[in-house]
């Protein structure tokens, strides 16, 4: 599986899509936020805040979550 990370003028919309994709994948794998926290090393409170779109994940947090879920990250940069 791969998750496309796009840097563009619509970065907020893209960020929300990526967060939804992470949550969908977590649920698809029947993982709790606590289990994802254990797998990724990201705190439960951060995962919860990211999934509720209260906080934006740093790139490092995003990468840790993707790796824990077995998602491949593809970076695409567009001219803005």
Foldseek 3Di string as FASTA:
>chain_A
DAQEQEDDPPNVVSQLVLLVVLVVLCVVVVHDLVRLCVQQVDDSVVNVCSNVVVDGDDVSSSVSSCVSSVYHYDYDYDDD
